[in-house]
Amino acid sequence: MLKNIVREITPLTQNDCFTIFSRVKKEFNFPLHYHEEFELNFILNAKDAKRIVGDHVDIIDDIELVLIGPNLSHAWFTNQCK
């Protein structure tokens, strides 16, 4: 399973303390990944998406605010696993 987890490189320079991404998507699928930085996610209109953080799996509501720690694998999916 570990080989299926993507190591993400966050585009921070040595002068950055954070970066902001704003995404609007029809499908809400972010594959299992990890990175060295903290990640704060505010998610709207993704009710019933599946959130995976470490070994915890949960279904989210319309509004989601979650802080992910460094080097912790995490993902969000709206599709069903096959």
PDB file of N, CA and C in Angstrom:
ATOM      1  N   MET A   1       0.825  -1.203   0.000  1.00  0.00           N
ATOM      2  CA  MET A   1       0.000   0.000   0.000  1.00  0.00           C
ATOM      3  C   MET A   1       0.859   1.253   0.000  1.00  0.00           C
ATOM      4  N   LEU A   2       1.990   1.255   0.702  1.00  0.00           N
ATOM      5  CA  LEU A   2       2.815   2.457   0.786  1.00  0.00           C
ATOM      6  C   LEU A   2       3.298   2.940  -0.570  1.00  0.00           C
ATOM      7  N   LYS A   3       3.485   2.025  -1.517  1.00  0.00           N
ATOM      8  CA  LYS A   3       3.950   2.461  -2.832  1.00  0.00           C
ATOM      9  C   LYS A   3       2.880   3.249  -3.580  1.00  0.00           C
ATOM     10  N   ASN A   4       1.613   3.167  -3.130  1.00  0.00           N
ATOM     11  CA  ASN A   4       0.523   3.899  -3.772  1.00  0.00           C
ATOM     12  C   ASN A   4       0.314   5.289  -3.188  1.00  0.00           C
ATOM     13  N   ILE A   5       1.089   5.658  -2.176  1.00  0.00           N
ATOM     14  CA  ILE A   5       0.969   6.981  -1.568  1.00  0.00           C
ATOM     15  C   ILE A   5       1.975   7.912  -2.234  1.00  0.00           C
ATOM     16  N   VAL A   6       1.484   9.011  -2.780  1.00  0.00           N
ATOM     17  CA  VAL A   6       2.314   9.962  -3.518  1.00  0.00           C
ATOM     18  C   VAL A   6       2.944  10.957  -2.550  1.00  0.00           C
ATOM     19  N   ARG A   7       4.245  11.194  -2.690  1.00  0.00           N
ATOM     20  CA  ARG A   7       4.902  12.252  -1.923  1.00  0.00           C
ATOM     21  C   ARG A   7       4.752  13.540  -2.714  1.00  0.00           C
ATOM     22  N   GLU A   8       4.065  14.507  -2.135  1.00  0.00           N
ATOM     23  CA  GLU A   8       3.797  15.774  -2.813  1.00  0.00           C
ATOM     24  C   GLU A   8       4.871  16.796  -2.442  1.00  0.00           C
ATOM     25  N   ILE A   9       5.354  17.530  -3.426  1.00  0.00           N
ATOM     26  CA  ILE A   9       6.315  18.608  -3.201  1.00  0.00           C
ATOM     27  C   ILE A   9       5.546  19.921  -3.249  1.00  0.00           C
ATOM     28  N   THR A  10       5.493  20.616  -2.116  1.00  0.00           N
ATOM     29  CA  THR A  10       4.769  21.881  -2.033  1.00  0.00           C
ATOM     30  C   THR A  10       5.651  23.006  -2.559  1.00  0.00           C
ATOM     31  N   PRO A  11       5.116  23.876  -3.424  1.00  0.00           N
ATOM     32  CA  PRO A  11       5.930  24.921  -4.061  1.00  0.00           C
ATOM     33  C   PRO A  11       6.197  26.124  -3.147  1.00  0.00           C
ATOM     34  N   LEU A  12       6.875  25.887  -2.042  1.00  0.00           N
ATOM     35  CA  LEU A  12       7.251  26.971  -1.134  1.00  0.00           C
ATOM     36  C   LEU A  12       8.706  27.354  -1.365  1.00  0.00           C
ATOM     37  N   THR A  13       8.982  28.649  -1.341  1.00  0.00           N
ATOM     38  CA  THR A  13      10.371  29.099  -1.379  1.00  0.00           C
ATOM     39  C   THR A  13      10.825  29.325   0.054  1.00  0.00           C
ATOM     40  N   GLN A  14      12.103  29.598   0.249  1.00  0.00           N
ATOM     41  CA  GLN A  14      12.606  29.811   1.603  1.00  0.00           C
ATOM     42  C   GLN A  14      12.039  31.087   2.230  1.00  0.00           C
ATOM     43  N   ASN A  15      11.471  31.977   1.424  1.00  0.00           N
ATOM     44  CA  ASN A  15      10.857  33.199   1.952  1.00  0.00           C
ATOM     45  C   ASN A  15       9.358  33.056   2.231  1.00  0.00           C
ATOM     46  N   ASP A  16       8.775  31.905   1.881  1.00  0.00           N
ATOM     47  CA  ASP A  16       7.340  31.676   2.090  1.00  0.00           C
ATOM     48  C   ASP A  16       7.094  31.010   3.438  1.00  0.00           C
ATOM     49  N   CYS A  17       6.018  31.422   4.092  1.00  0.00           N
ATOM     50  CA  CYS A  17       5.593  30.698   5.290  1.00  0.00           C
ATOM     51  C   CYS A  17       4.307  29.922   5.015  1.00  0.00           C
ATOM     52  N   PHE A  18       3.603  30.251   3.932  1.00  0.00           N
ATOM     53  CA  PHE A  18       2.432  29.488   3.514  1.00  0.00           C
ATOM     54  C   PHE A  18       2.130  29.781   2.050  1.00  0.00           C
ATOM     55  N   THR A  19       1.273  28.934   1.484  1.00  0.00           N
ATOM     56  CA  THR A  19       0.783  29.141   0.130  1.00  0.00           C
ATOM     57  C   THR A  19      -0.712  28.852   0.120  1.00  0.00           C
ATOM     58  N   ILE A  20      -1.441  29.455  -0.796  1.00  0.00           N
ATOM     59  CA  ILE A  20      -2.889  29.270  -0.877  1.00  0.00           C
ATOM     60  C   ILE A  20      -3.249  28.752  -2.265  1.00  0.00           C
ATOM     61  N   PHE A  21      -4.078  27.710  -2.289  1.00  0.00           N
ATOM     62  CA  PHE A  21      -4.629  27.182  -3.531  1.00  0.00           C
ATOM     63  C   PHE A  21      -6.140  27.297  -3.449  1.00  0.00           C
ATOM     64  N   SER A  22      -6.755  27.778  -4.497  1.00  0.00           N
ATOM     65  CA  SER A  22      -8.213  27.825  -4.583  1.00  0.00           C
ATOM     66  C   SER A  22      -8.612  26.996  -5.789  1.00  0.00           C
ATOM     67  N   ARG A  23      -9.421  25.961  -5.555  1.00  0.00           N
ATOM     68  CA  ARG A  23      -9.796  25.061  -6.637  1.00  0.00           C
ATOM     69  C   ARG A  23     -11.306  24.896  -6.670  1.00  0.00           C
ATOM     70  N   VAL A  24     -11.864  24.900  -7.866  1.00  0.00           N
ATOM     71  CA  VAL A  24     -13.272  24.574  -8.066  1.00  0.00           C
ATOM     72  C   VAL A  24     -13.287  23.363  -8.992  1.00  0.00           C
ATOM     73  N   LYS A  25     -13.897  22.276  -8.527  1.00  0.00           N
ATOM     74  CA  LYS A  25     -13.877  21.036  -9.294  1.00  0.00           C
ATOM     75  C   LYS A  25     -15.266  20.426  -9.346  1.00  0.00           C
ATOM     76  N   LYS A  26     -15.566  19.748 -10.449  1.00  0.00           N
ATOM     77  CA  LYS A  26     -16.829  19.004 -10.555  1.00  0.00           C
ATOM     78  C   LYS A  26     -16.744  17.701  -9.779  1.00  0.00           C
ATOM     79  N   GLU A  27     -15.586  17.067  -9.818  1.00  0.00           N
ATOM     80  CA  GLU A  27     -15.347  15.851  -9.046  1.00  0.00           C
ATOM     81  C   GLU A  27     -14.336  16.175  -7.966  1.00  0.00           C
ATOM     82  N   PHE A  28     -14.574  15.630  -6.802  1.00  0.00           N
ATOM     83  CA  PHE A  28     -13.722  15.948  -5.664  1.00  0.00           C
ATOM     84  C   PHE A  28     -12.877  14.731  -5.322  1.00  0.00           C
ATOM     85  N   ASN A  29     -11.802  14.532  -6.058  1.00  0.00           N
ATOM     86  CA  ASN A  29     -10.923  13.391  -5.856  1.00  0.00           C
ATOM     87  C   ASN A  29      -9.484  13.866  -5.727  1.00  0.00           C
ATOM     88  N   PHE A  30      -8.922  13.644  -4.569  1.00  0.00           N
ATOM     89  CA  PHE A  30      -7.518  13.942  -4.319  1.00  0.00           C
ATOM     90  C   PHE A  30      -6.879  12.655  -3.831  1.00  0.00           C
ATOM     91  N   PRO A  31      -6.000  12.033  -4.633  1.00  0.00           N
ATOM     92  CA  PRO A  31      -5.435  10.731  -4.282  1.00  0.00           C
ATOM     93  C   PRO A  31      -4.613  10.782  -2.994  1.00  0.00           C
ATOM     94  N   LEU A  32      -4.416   9.626  -2.418  1.00  0.00           N
ATOM     95  CA  LEU A  32      -3.658   9.486  -1.183  1.00  0.00           C
ATOM     96  C   LEU A  32      -2.252  10.050  -1.368  1.00  0.00           C
ATOM     97  N   HIS A  33      -1.898  11.009  -0.508  1.00  0.00           N
ATOM     98  CA  HIS A  33      -0.594  11.662  -0.616  1.00  0.00           C
ATOM     99  C   HIS A  33      -0.151  12.169   0.755  1.00  0.00           C
ATOM    100  N   TYR A  34       1.088  12.608   0.839  1.00  0.00           N
ATOM    101  CA  TYR A  34       1.624  13.202   2.062  1.00  0.00           C
ATOM    102  C   TYR A  34       2.653  14.245   1.671  1.00  0.00           C
ATOM    103  N   HIS A  35       3.019  15.106   2.612  1.00  0.00           N
ATOM    104  CA  HIS A  35       4.053  16.119   2.390  1.00  0.00           C
ATOM    105  C   HIS A  35       4.572  16.577   3.741  1.00  0.00           C
ATOM    106  N   GLU A  36       5.673  17.293   3.733  1.00  0.00           N
ATOM    107  CA  GLU A  36       6.341  17.711   4.968  1.00  0.00           C
ATOM    108  C   GLU A  36       5.631  18.861   5.670  1.00  0.00           C
ATOM    109  N   GLU A  37       4.747  19.564   4.977  1.00  0.00           N
ATOM    110  CA  GLU A  37       4.109  20.761   5.526  1.00  0.00           C
ATOM    111  C   GLU A  37       2.751  20.428   6.152  1.00  0.00           C
ATOM    112  N   PHE A  38       2.299  21.316   7.054  1.00  0.00           N
ATOM    113  CA  PHE A  38       0.917  21.269   7.517  1.00  0.00           C
ATOM    114  C   PHE A  38       0.019  21.646   6.344  1.00  0.00           C
ATOM    115  N   GLU A  39      -1.218  21.173   6.360  1.00  0.00           N
ATOM    116  CA  GLU A  39      -2.188  21.541   5.317  1.00  0.00           C
ATOM    117  C   GLU A  39      -3.524  21.844   5.993  1.00  0.00           C
ATOM    118  N   LEU A  40      -4.063  23.018   5.717  1.00  0.00           N
ATOM    119  CA  LEU A  40      -5.369  23.413   6.233  1.00  0.00           C
ATOM    120  C   LEU A  40      -6.343  23.451   5.063  1.00  0.00           C
ATOM    121  N   ASN A  41      -7.406  22.674   5.153  1.00  0.00           N
ATOM    122  CA  ASN A  41      -8.398  22.596   4.079  1.00  0.00           C
ATOM    123  C   ASN A  41      -9.743  23.109   4.553  1.00  0.00           C
ATOM    124  N   PHE A  42     -10.318  24.020   3.770  1.00  0.00           N
ATOM    125  CA  PHE A  42     -11.696  24.467   3.954  1.00  0.00           C
ATOM    126  C   PHE A  42     -12.434  24.058   2.695  1.00  0.00           C
ATOM    127  N   ILE A  43     -13.409  23.180   2.844  1.00  0.00           N
ATOM    128  CA  ILE A  43     -14.073  22.571   1.697  1.00  0.00           C
ATOM    129  C   ILE A  43     -15.570  22.837   1.788  1.00  0.00           C
ATOM    130  N   LEU A  44     -16.143  23.306   0.688  1.00  0.00           N
ATOM    131  CA  LEU A  44     -17.581  23.571   0.607  1.00  0.00           C
ATOM    132  C   LEU A  44     -18.232  22.656  -0.423  1.00  0.00           C
ATOM    133  N   ASN A  45     -19.461  22.251  -0.153  1.00  0.00           N
ATOM    134  CA  ASN A  45     -20.295  21.516  -1.112  1.00  0.00           C
ATOM    135  C   ASN A  45     -19.705  20.178  -1.546  1.00  0.00           C
ATOM    136  N   ALA A  46     -19.153  19.440  -0.614  1.00  0.00           N
ATOM    137  CA  ALA A  46     -18.618  18.112  -0.926  1.00  0.00           C
ATOM    138  C   ALA A  46     -19.263  17.060  -0.028  1.00  0.00           C
ATOM    139  N   LYS A  47     -20.530  17.279   0.310  1.00  0.00           N
ATOM    140  CA  LYS A  47     -21.251  16.360   1.199  1.00  0.00           C
ATOM    141  C   LYS A  47     -21.148  14.929   0.690  1.00  0.00           C
ATOM    142  N   ASP A  48     -20.890  14.027   1.618  1.00  0.00           N
ATOM    143  CA  ASP A  48     -20.772  12.588   1.383  1.00  0.00           C
ATOM    144  C   ASP A  48     -19.462  12.178   0.725  1.00  0.00           C
ATOM    145  N   ALA A  49     -18.531  13.106   0.546  1.00  0.00           N
ATOM    146  CA  ALA A  49     -17.190  12.711   0.097  1.00  0.00           C
ATOM    147  C   ALA A  49     -16.526  11.937   1.229  1.00  0.00           C
ATOM    148  N   LYS A  50     -15.614  11.068   0.874  1.00  0.00           N
ATOM    149  CA  LYS A  50     -14.887  10.274   1.856  1.00  0.00           C
ATOM    150  C   LYS A  50     -13.545  10.936   2.139  1.00  0.00           C
ATOM    151  N   ARG A  51     -13.252  11.145   3.424  1.00  0.00           N
ATOM    152  CA  ARG A  51     -11.963  11.701   3.849  1.00  0.00           C
ATOM    153  C   ARG A  51     -11.153  10.590   4.502  1.00  0.00           C
ATOM    154  N   ILE A  52      -9.896  10.462   4.084  1.00  0.00           N
ATOM    155  CA  ILE A  52      -8.966   9.517   4.692  1.00  0.00           C
ATOM    156  C   ILE A  52      -7.797  10.323   5.235  1.00  0.00           C
ATOM    157  N   VAL A  53      -7.538  10.199   6.527  1.00  0.00           N
ATOM    158  CA  VAL A  53      -6.382  10.833   7.165  1.00  0.00           C
ATOM    159  C   VAL A  53      -5.723   9.773   8.041  1.00  0.00           C
ATOM    160  N   GLY A  54      -4.488   9.405   7.673  1.00  0.00           N
ATOM    161  CA  GLY A  54      -3.824   8.320   8.398  1.00  0.00           C
ATOM    162  C   GLY A  54      -4.636   7.048   8.257  1.00  0.00           C
ATOM    163  N   ASP A  55      -5.031   6.446   9.395  1.00  0.00           N
ATOM    164  CA  ASP A  55      -5.846   5.232   9.343  1.00  0.00           C
ATOM    165  C   ASP A  55      -7.318   5.512   9.648  1.00  0.00           C
ATOM    166  N   HIS A  56      -7.711   6.784   9.609  1.00  0.00           N
ATOM    167  CA  HIS A  56      -9.094   7.174   9.898  1.00  0.00           C
ATOM    168  C   HIS A  56      -9.831   7.494   8.595  1.00  0.00           C
ATOM    169  N   VAL A  57     -11.009   6.900   8.437  1.00  0.00           N
ATOM    170  CA  VAL A  57     -11.849   7.138   7.262  1.00  0.00           C
ATOM    171  C   VAL A  57     -13.184   7.685   7.750  1.00  0.00           C
ATOM    172  N   ASP A  58     -13.662   8.753   7.131  1.00  0.00           N
ATOM    173  CA  ASP A  58     -14.924   9.357   7.535  1.00  0.00           C
ATOM    174  C   ASP A  58     -15.620   9.956   6.314  1.00  0.00           C
ATOM    175  N   ILE A  59     -16.918  10.134   6.413  1.00  0.00           N
ATOM    176  CA  ILE A  59     -17.719  10.801   5.391  1.00  0.00           C
ATOM    177  C   ILE A  59     -17.929  12.239   5.852  1.00  0.00           C
ATOM    178  N   ILE A  60     -17.692  13.206   4.952  1.00  0.00           N
ATOM    179  CA  ILE A  60     -17.772  14.608   5.357  1.00  0.00           C
ATOM    180  C   ILE A  60     -19.143  15.199   5.042  1.00  0.00           C
ATOM    181  N   ASP A  61     -19.399  16.357   5.635  1.00  0.00           N
ATOM    182  CA  ASP A  61     -20.657  17.075   5.442  1.00  0.00           C
ATOM    183  C   ASP A  61     -20.454  18.174   4.395  1.00  0.00           C
ATOM    184  N   ASP A  62     -21.399  19.093   4.281  1.00  0.00           N
ATOM    185  CA  ASP A  62     -21.310  20.175   3.291  1.00  0.00           C
ATOM    186  C   ASP A  62     -20.124  21.102   3.520  1.00  0.00           C
ATOM    187  N   ILE A  63     -19.767  21.300   4.778  1.00  0.00           N
ATOM    188  CA  ILE A  63     -18.647  22.180   5.125  1.00  0.00           C
ATOM    189  C   ILE A  63     -17.615  21.367   5.890  1.00  0.00           C
ATOM    190  N   GLU A  64     -16.372  21.469   5.477  1.00  0.00           N
ATOM    191  CA  GLU A  64     -15.283  20.697   6.068  1.00  0.00           C
ATOM    192  C   GLU A  64     -14.119  21.635   6.347  1.00  0.00           C
ATOM    193  N   LEU A  65     -13.620  21.619   7.558  1.00  0.00           N
ATOM    194  CA  LEU A  65     -12.399  22.335   7.928  1.00  0.00           C
ATOM    195  C   LEU A  65     -11.520  21.340   8.652  1.00  0.00           C
ATOM    196  N   VAL A  66     -10.344  21.072   8.102  1.00  0.00           N
ATOM    197  CA  VAL A  66      -9.479  20.051   8.689  1.00  0.00           C
ATOM    198  C   VAL A  66      -8.022  20.485   8.561  1.00  0.00           C
ATOM    199  N   LEU A  67      -7.264  20.261   9.626  1.00  0.00           N
ATOM    200  CA  LEU A  67      -5.829  20.538   9.648  1.00  0.00           C
ATOM    201  C   LEU A  67      -5.097  19.207   9.612  1.00  0.00           C
ATOM    202  N   ILE A  68      -4.240  19.042   8.615  1.00  0.00           N
ATOM    203  CA  ILE A  68      -3.470  17.816   8.427  1.00  0.00           C
ATOM    204  C   ILE A  68      -2.038  18.080   8.871  1.00  0.00           C
ATOM    205  N   GLY A  69      -1.492  17.197   9.680  1.00  0.00           N
ATOM    206  CA  GLY A  69      -0.117  17.336  10.153  1.00  0.00           C
ATOM    207  C   GLY A  69       0.899  16.917   9.105  1.00  0.00           C
ATOM    208  N   PRO A  70       2.163  17.256   9.338  1.00  0.00           N
ATOM    209  CA  PRO A  70       3.228  16.904   8.397  1.00  0.00           C
ATOM    210  C   PRO A  70       3.399  15.388   8.260  1.00  0.00           C
ATOM    211  N   ASN A  71       3.703  14.950   7.052  1.00  0.00           N
ATOM    212  CA  ASN A  71       3.999  13.553   6.737  1.00  0.00           C
ATOM    213  C   ASN A  71       2.880  12.585   7.108  1.00  0.00           C
ATOM    214  N   LEU A  72       1.644  13.070   7.106  1.00  0.00           N
ATOM    215  CA  LEU A  72       0.479  12.245   7.405  1.00  0.00           C
ATOM    216  C   LEU A  72      -0.283  12.015   6.101  1.00  0.00           C
ATOM    217  N   SER A  73      -0.439  10.763   5.712  1.00  0.00           N
ATOM    218  CA  SER A  73      -1.124  10.477   4.447  1.00  0.00           C
ATOM    219  C   SER A  73      -2.600  10.861   4.559  1.00  0.00           C
ATOM    220  N   HIS A  74      -3.131  11.411   3.463  1.00  0.00           N
ATOM    221  CA  HIS A  74      -4.516  11.872   3.451  1.00  0.00           C
ATOM    222  C   HIS A  74      -5.044  11.923   2.022  1.00  0.00           C
ATOM    223  N   ALA A  75      -6.397  11.849   1.910  1.00  0.00           N
ATOM    224  CA  ALA A  75      -7.054  11.847   0.600  1.00  0.00           C
ATOM    225  C   ALA A  75      -8.522  12.192   0.779  1.00  0.00           C
ATOM    226  N   TRP A  76      -9.151  12.614  -0.310  1.00  0.00           N
ATOM    227  CA  TRP A  76     -10.601  12.844  -0.369  1.00  0.00           C
ATOM    228  C   TRP A  76     -11.103  12.215  -1.659  1.00  0.00           C
ATOM    229  N   PHE A  77     -12.280  11.576  -1.597  1.00  0.00           N
ATOM    230  CA  PHE A  77     -12.855  10.918  -2.769  1.00  0.00           C
ATOM    231  C   PHE A  77     -14.362  11.109  -2.789  1.00  0.00           C
ATOM    232  N   THR A  78     -14.927  11.347  -3.963  1.00  0.00           N
ATOM    233  CA  THR A  78     -16.382  11.336  -4.109  1.00  0.00           C
ATOM    234  C   THR A  78     -16.838  10.089  -4.848  1.00  0.00           C
ATOM    235  N   ASN A  79     -15.920   9.381  -5.475  1.00  0.00           N
ATOM    236  CA  ASN A  79     -16.303   8.178  -6.209  1.00  0.00           C
ATOM    237  C   ASN A  79     -16.247   6.958  -5.284  1.00  0.00           C
ATOM    238  N   GLN A  80     -16.879   5.898  -5.705  1.00  0.00           N
ATOM    239  CA  GLN A  80     -16.886   4.664  -4.930  1.00  0.00           C
ATOM    240  C   GLN A  80     -15.654   3.836  -5.276  1.00  0.00           C
ATOM    241  N   CYS A  81     -15.059   3.215  -4.264  1.00  0.00           N
ATOM    242  CA  CYS A  81     -13.916   2.325  -4.493  1.00  0.00           C
ATOM    243  C   CYS A  81     -14.401   1.069  -5.214  1.00  0.00           C
ATOM    244  N   LYS A  82     -13.561   0.575  -6.118  1.00  0.00           N
ATOM    245  CA  LYS A  82     -13.926  -0.639  -6.864  1.00  0.00           C
ATOM    246  C   LYS A  82     -12.916  -1.717  -6.586  1.00  0.00           C
TER     247      LYS A  82
END
